[in-house]
Protein backbone atom coordinates (compact mmCIF):
# COMPACT_ATOMS: atom_id res chain seq x y z
CA MET A 1 0.00 0.00 0.00
CA LYS A 2 2.88 2.36 0.72
CA GLY A 3 4.35 1.61 -2.70
CA LEU A 4 1.00 2.24 -4.41
CA GLU A 5 0.64 5.52 -2.55
CA ARG A 6 4.13 6.75 -3.45
CA LEU A 7 3.53 5.99 -7.13
CA ALA A 8 -0.07 7.14 -7.45
CA VAL A 9 0.13 10.49 -5.63
CA PRO A 10 2.49 12.19 -8.13
CA VAL A 11 1.16 10.38 -11.23
CA ALA A 12 -2.61 10.84 -10.77
CA PRO A 13 -2.66 14.68 -11.17
CA VAL A 14 -0.46 14.43 -14.28
CA ILE A 15 -2.83 11.91 -15.89
CA MET A 16 -5.81 14.14 -15.11
CA LEU A 17 -4.04 17.17 -16.61
CA ILE A 18 -3.07 15.25 -19.76
CA ALA A 19 -6.64 13.94 -20.17
CA VAL A 20 -8.11 17.45 -19.92
CA LEU A 21 -5.57 18.95 -22.36
CA VAL A 22 -6.01 16.11 -24.85
CA GLY A 23 -9.80 16.41 -24.64
CA ILE A 24 -9.54 20.12 -25.44
CA GLY A 25 -7.12 19.36 -28.30
CA MET A 26 -9.42 16.72 -29.80
CA LEU A 27 -12.38 19.07 -29.48
CA ASP A 28 -10.48 21.83 -31.26
CA GLU A 29 -9.30 19.50 -34.03
CA GLY A 30 -12.88 18.35 -34.62
CA GLY A 31 -14.12 21.90 -35.21
CA GLY A 32 -15.01 23.03 -31.71
CA LEU A 33 -17.87 22.46 -29.29
CA GLY A 34 -20.60 23.23 -31.84
CA SER A 35 -19.35 20.63 -34.29
CA PHE A 36 -19.01 18.09 -31.48
CA ILE A 37 -22.62 18.62 -30.32
CA ALA A 38 -23.90 18.42 -33.90
CA ALA A 39 -22.01 15.18 -34.54
CA SER A 40 -23.22 13.72 -31.22
CA ALA A 41 -26.83 14.50 -32.11
CA GLN A 42 -26.56 12.31 -35.20
CA LYS A 43 -25.69 9.22 -33.16
CA SER A 44 -28.49 6.96 -31.93
CA GLY A 45 -26.84 5.94 -28.65
CA LEU A 46 -27.73 2.90 -26.53
CA PRO A 47 -31.15 1.79 -25.23
CA LEU A 48 -31.68 2.97 -21.65
CA SER A 49 -31.52 -0.60 -20.32
CA SER A 50 -28.14 -1.26 -21.95
CA ALA A 51 -26.73 2.13 -20.97
CA VAL A 52 -27.61 1.77 -17.28
CA THR A 53 -26.38 -1.85 -17.29
CA MET A 54 -23.03 -0.79 -18.78
CA LEU A 55 -22.67 2.05 -16.26
CA VAL A 56 -23.43 -0.27 -13.33
CA GLY A 57 -20.95 -2.82 -14.68
CA ASN A 58 -18.35 -0.09 -15.07
CA TRP A 59 -18.61 0.80 -11.39
CA ILE A 60 -19.02 -2.63 -9.79
CA ALA A 61 -15.40 -3.82 -9.99
CA GLY A 62 -14.16 -0.53 -8.54
CA ALA A 63 -16.78 -0.57 -5.80
CA ILE A 64 -15.84 -4.11 -4.73
CA MET A 65 -12.11 -3.39 -4.79
CA GLY A 66 -12.60 -0.01 -3.13
CA VAL A 67 -13.76 -1.68 0.08
CA ASP A 68 -10.50 -3.62 0.35
CA LEU A 69 -8.31 -0.63 -0.52
CA PHE A 70 -10.11 2.11 1.43
CA ARG A 71 -9.80 0.17 4.69
CA PHE A 72 -6.21 1.44 4.78
CA ASN A 73 -7.42 5.06 4.78
CA ARG A 74 -6.85 7.17 7.88
CA SER A 75 -10.46 8.31 8.36
CA ALA A 76 -14.01 8.00 7.07
CA ARG A 77 -13.59 11.41 5.43
CA ALA A 78 -10.69 10.05 3.40
CA VAL A 79 -12.90 7.17 2.25
CA TRP A 80 -15.59 9.58 1.05
CA LEU A 81 -13.04 11.77 -0.74
CA GLY A 82 -11.36 8.74 -2.34
CA SER A 83 -14.72 7.39 -3.53
CA ALA A 84 -15.66 10.77 -4.99
CA ALA A 85 -12.29 11.06 -6.75
CA CYS A 86 -12.74 7.62 -8.34
CA PHE A 87 -16.43 7.54 -9.23
CA LEU A 88 -17.45 11.18 -9.64
CA LEU A 89 -14.30 12.73 -11.12
CA THR A 90 -11.78 10.35 -12.73
CA ASN A 91 -14.07 7.72 -14.26
CA PRO A 92 -16.54 10.18 -15.88
CA LEU A 93 -13.72 12.45 -17.08
CA LEU A 94 -11.84 9.65 -18.87
CA ASN A 95 -15.09 8.41 -20.43
CA ILE A 96 -15.93 11.93 -21.63
CA VAL A 97 -12.47 12.37 -23.15
CA GLY A 98 -12.81 9.01 -24.89
CA TYR A 99 -16.24 9.99 -26.22
CA ILE A 100 -14.94 13.34 -27.47
CA GLY A 101 -12.15 11.54 -29.32
CA THR A 102 -14.53 9.00 -30.84
CA VAL A 103 -16.91 11.66 -32.14
CA THR A 104 -14.40 14.30 -33.27
CA VAL A 105 -11.31 12.45 -34.53
CA GLY A 106 -12.46 8.81 -34.58
CA GLU A 107 -10.00 7.72 -31.86
CA TYR A 108 -11.00 7.03 -28.25
CA ASN A 109 -7.46 6.10 -27.15
CA TYR A 110 -5.87 9.46 -26.48
CA VAL A 111 -2.35 8.02 -26.24
CA SER A 112 -2.70 6.91 -29.88
CA TRP A 113 -3.89 10.41 -30.78
CA MET A 114 -0.89 11.91 -28.99
CA LEU A 115 1.42 9.61 -30.96
CA GLU A 116 0.17 11.17 -34.18
CA LYS A 117 1.09 14.65 -32.92
CA SER A 118 4.66 14.14 -31.74
CA PHE A 119 6.91 11.48 -30.30
CA LEU A 120 7.63 13.45 -27.10
CA LEU A 121 3.94 14.05 -26.46
CA ALA A 122 3.19 10.36 -26.98
CA LEU A 123 6.11 9.38 -24.74
CA ALA A 124 4.76 11.54 -21.90
CA GLY A 125 1.32 9.98 -22.29
CA ALA A 126 2.66 6.43 -22.50
CA VAL A 127 4.88 6.82 -19.41
CA THR A 128 2.14 8.32 -17.22
CA TRP A 129 -0.44 5.83 -18.49
CA THR A 130 1.91 2.90 -17.81
CA LEU A 131 2.55 4.13 -14.27
CA SER A 132 -1.20 4.48 -13.77
CA LEU A 133 -1.83 0.93 -14.98
CA TRP A 134 1.02 -0.26 -12.77
CA THR A 135 -0.83 0.88 -9.65
CA THR A 136 -4.12 -0.49 -10.97
CA ASN A 137 -2.67 -3.93 -11.71
CA ASP A 138 -0.86 -3.97 -8.36
CA ALA A 139 -4.18 -3.37 -6.65
CA GLU A 140 -5.79 -6.08 -8.79
CA LEU A 141 -3.10 -8.57 -7.72
CA TYR A 142 -3.69 -7.70 -4.08
CA CYS A 143 -7.45 -8.17 -4.33
CA ASN A 144 -7.10 -11.35 -6.38
CA ALA A 145 -4.94 -12.95 -3.70
CA LEU A 146 -7.25 -11.62 -0.99
CA TYR A 147 -10.31 -13.32 -2.53
CA THR A 148 -8.79 -16.46 -4.03
CA GLY A 149 -6.72 -17.51 -1.00
CA PRO A 150 -9.59 -18.03 1.49
CA VAL A 151 -11.71 -19.77 -1.16
CA LEU A 152 -8.94 -22.28 -1.89
CA GLN A 153 -8.23 -22.75 1.82
CA SER A 154 -11.92 -23.45 2.50
CA ARG A 155 -11.70 -26.30 -0.02
CA GLY A 156 -8.57 -27.76 1.60
CA PHE A 157 -5.89 -26.18 -0.63
CA ALA A 158 -3.29 -24.30 1.38
CA VAL A 159 -1.70 -21.87 -1.09
CA SER A 160 0.59 -19.06 0.01
CA LYS A 161 -0.19 -15.49 -0.99
CA LYS A 162 3.18 -15.21 -2.78
CA LYS A 163 2.29 -18.12 -5.08
CA LEU A 164 -1.17 -16.69 -5.77
CA VAL A 165 0.31 -13.31 -6.68
CA LEU A 166 2.95 -14.92 -8.93
CA VAL A 167 0.44 -17.10 -10.81
CA ALA A 168 -2.18 -14.35 -11.17
CA GLY A 169 0.49 -11.88 -12.29
CA LEU A 170 1.85 -14.22 -14.96
CA VAL A 171 -1.61 -15.18 -16.26
CA GLY A 172 -2.74 -11.54 -16.32
CA THR A 173 0.44 -10.44 -18.11
CA VAL A 174 0.08 -13.10 -20.82
CA LEU A 175 -3.64 -12.41 -21.37
CA GLY A 176 -2.98 -8.65 -21.45
CA SER A 177 -0.22 -9.01 -24.03
CA LEU A 178 -2.58 -11.03 -26.26
CA GLY A 179 -5.18 -8.22 -26.27
CA PHE A 180 -7.67 -10.12 -24.08
CA TYR A 181 -8.81 -6.87 -22.44
CA GLN A 182 -9.49 -5.08 -25.73
CA MET A 183 -11.30 -8.06 -27.28
CA PHE A 184 -13.70 -8.83 -24.45
CA PHE A 185 -13.91 -5.70 -22.29
CA SER A 186 -17.23 -4.31 -23.56
CA GLN A 187 -18.97 -7.70 -23.33
CA PHE A 188 -17.41 -8.31 -19.90
CA ILE A 189 -18.64 -4.96 -18.55
CA ASN A 190 -22.11 -5.59 -19.97
CA TYR A 191 -22.45 -9.05 -18.42
CA LEU A 192 -20.96 -7.78 -15.16
CA GLY A 193 -23.63 -5.08 -15.02
CA ILE A 194 -26.33 -7.72 -15.53
CA MET A 195 -25.10 -10.58 -13.37
CA ALA A 196 -23.34 -8.85 -10.47
CA PRO A 197 -26.29 -6.89 -8.94
CA PRO A 198 -28.33 -10.07 -8.22
CA LEU A 199 -25.41 -11.33 -6.10
CA ALA A 200 -26.18 -8.52 -3.65
CA GLY A 201 -29.90 -9.36 -3.54
CA PRO A 202 -29.77 -12.07 -0.85
CA LEU A 203 -27.42 -9.95 1.30
CA LEU A 204 -29.69 -6.89 1.11
CA ALA A 205 -32.86 -8.91 1.72
CA ASP A 206 -31.39 -10.85 4.63
CA PHE A 207 -29.82 -7.88 6.42
CA TYR A 208 -32.32 -5.07 5.84
CA ILE A 209 -35.62 -6.98 5.64
CA LYS A 210 -35.23 -10.30 7.44
CA GLN A 211 -32.84 -9.14 10.19
CA LYS A 212 -34.17 -5.53 10.29
CA GLY A 213 -30.67 -4.12 9.84
CA CYS A 214 -29.04 -5.84 12.81
CA TYR A 215 -27.27 -9.19 13.17
CA GLU A 216 -26.85 -10.91 16.51
CA VAL A 217 -23.08 -11.46 16.72
CA ARG A 218 -23.41 -14.68 18.71
CA GLU A 219 -25.53 -16.19 15.90
CA LEU A 220 -22.96 -15.60 13.15
CA ASN A 221 -20.94 -18.74 13.99
CA ALA A 222 -24.10 -20.85 14.00
CA GLN A 223 -24.92 -20.25 10.33
CA PRO A 224 -25.19 -23.21 7.91
CA ALA A 225 -22.37 -23.89 5.48
CA PHE A 226 -24.59 -22.79 2.57
CA ASN A 227 -27.63 -20.55 2.50
CA TRP A 228 -29.46 -22.39 -0.26
CA ALA A 229 -32.17 -19.73 -0.54
CA GLY A 230 -29.44 -17.17 -1.18
CA VAL A 231 -27.60 -19.33 -3.72
CA ALA A 232 -30.80 -20.25 -5.61
CA SER A 233 -32.22 -16.72 -5.68
CA ALA A 234 -28.90 -15.25 -6.87
CA LEU A 235 -28.60 -17.80 -9.69
CA LEU A 236 -32.21 -17.29 -10.77
CA GLY A 237 -31.76 -13.52 -10.63
CA MET A 238 -28.63 -13.66 -12.80
CA MET A 239 -30.40 -15.89 -15.33
CA LEU A 240 -33.35 -13.49 -15.41
CA GLY A 241 -31.10 -10.47 -15.97
CA LEU A 242 -29.23 -12.25 -18.76
CA ALA A 243 -32.50 -13.28 -20.44
CA LEU A 244 -33.82 -9.71 -20.25
CA GLU A 245 -30.66 -8.31 -21.85
CA LEU A 246 -30.27 -10.91 -24.60
CA ASN A 247 -33.94 -10.81 -25.63
CA GLN A 248 -34.44 -7.04 -25.03
CA TRP A 249 -37.75 -7.70 -23.30
CA LEU A 250 -37.65 -4.52 -21.18
CA VAL A 251 -35.79 -2.02 -23.35
CA ALA A 252 -36.73 0.96 -21.16
CA TRP A 253 -35.68 -0.72 -17.89
CA PRO A 254 -32.18 -1.29 -16.43
CA ASN A 255 -31.96 -5.08 -16.59
CA GLY A 256 -29.32 -5.49 -13.87
CA LEU A 257 -31.38 -3.52 -11.36
CA VAL A 258 -34.59 -5.34 -12.35
CA ALA A 259 -32.75 -8.62 -11.74
CA LEU A 260 -31.57 -7.30 -8.35
CA LEU A 261 -35.14 -6.48 -7.27
CA ALA A 262 -36.34 -9.91 -8.48
CA THR A 263 -33.56 -11.58 -6.48
CA VAL A 264 -34.60 -9.79 -3.29
CA LEU A 265 -38.20 -10.98 -3.74
CA LEU A 266 -37.10 -14.52 -4.64
CA TYR A 267 -34.90 -14.74 -1.54
CA LEU A 268 -37.74 -13.68 0.76
CA LEU A 269 -40.05 -16.27 -0.86
CA LEU A 270 -37.52 -19.11 -0.81
CA HIS A 271 -36.31 -18.42 2.72
């Protein structure tokens, strides 16, 4: 965490500055704000259900990882500020810059656009972007080991964290070099936005409705190995969300959130 902090603190403001300057440059090259708005108006966009699903999917991975990273923060205020920096500032800004590039110059990757302008400009973008991804992938390795280790141990496989990090790092590096991220990212985000919300359904229903927002600590160790109502409702909810998205049955509704609501109701019925 100290290493991530030392790397991210100086690099993050530089990346933000580069993104803003590149966005302005792309906008200017495309003919200005008026031309950008006119070109945007000619695009049909996504159905509301797909758009909300993609947005939810875009946030879920960060929200899950954020819990494990923000626990190292010094105060609750730092957690709120860190969340705002990630979800309200950085993520929307980079998406906006990518959209500006797509509409104005036909290139969402602003490092590629910088490469066309000059080698030094591209080098600055590539170095800062690489350092940014370095911290991101370091955090991914940490969370991967954090989740995978206890799961393997619960099934009788005692694997050290060092081995988990080494294997996950090698697999991720090979897949990344083969373009796995670029080939499957949009589909992955879409399915994540559909199938991840129902996983929270049993937890929300059990804690807020069944337990009225309070667990008895002494009862936690007396729980069954599997909550079959939770497992069944989550699986059914994910299947429902996937069916809604693939068949476009509710075009005006966010399918992932509909599936979440259905999972809550299913859990209460099955329990």
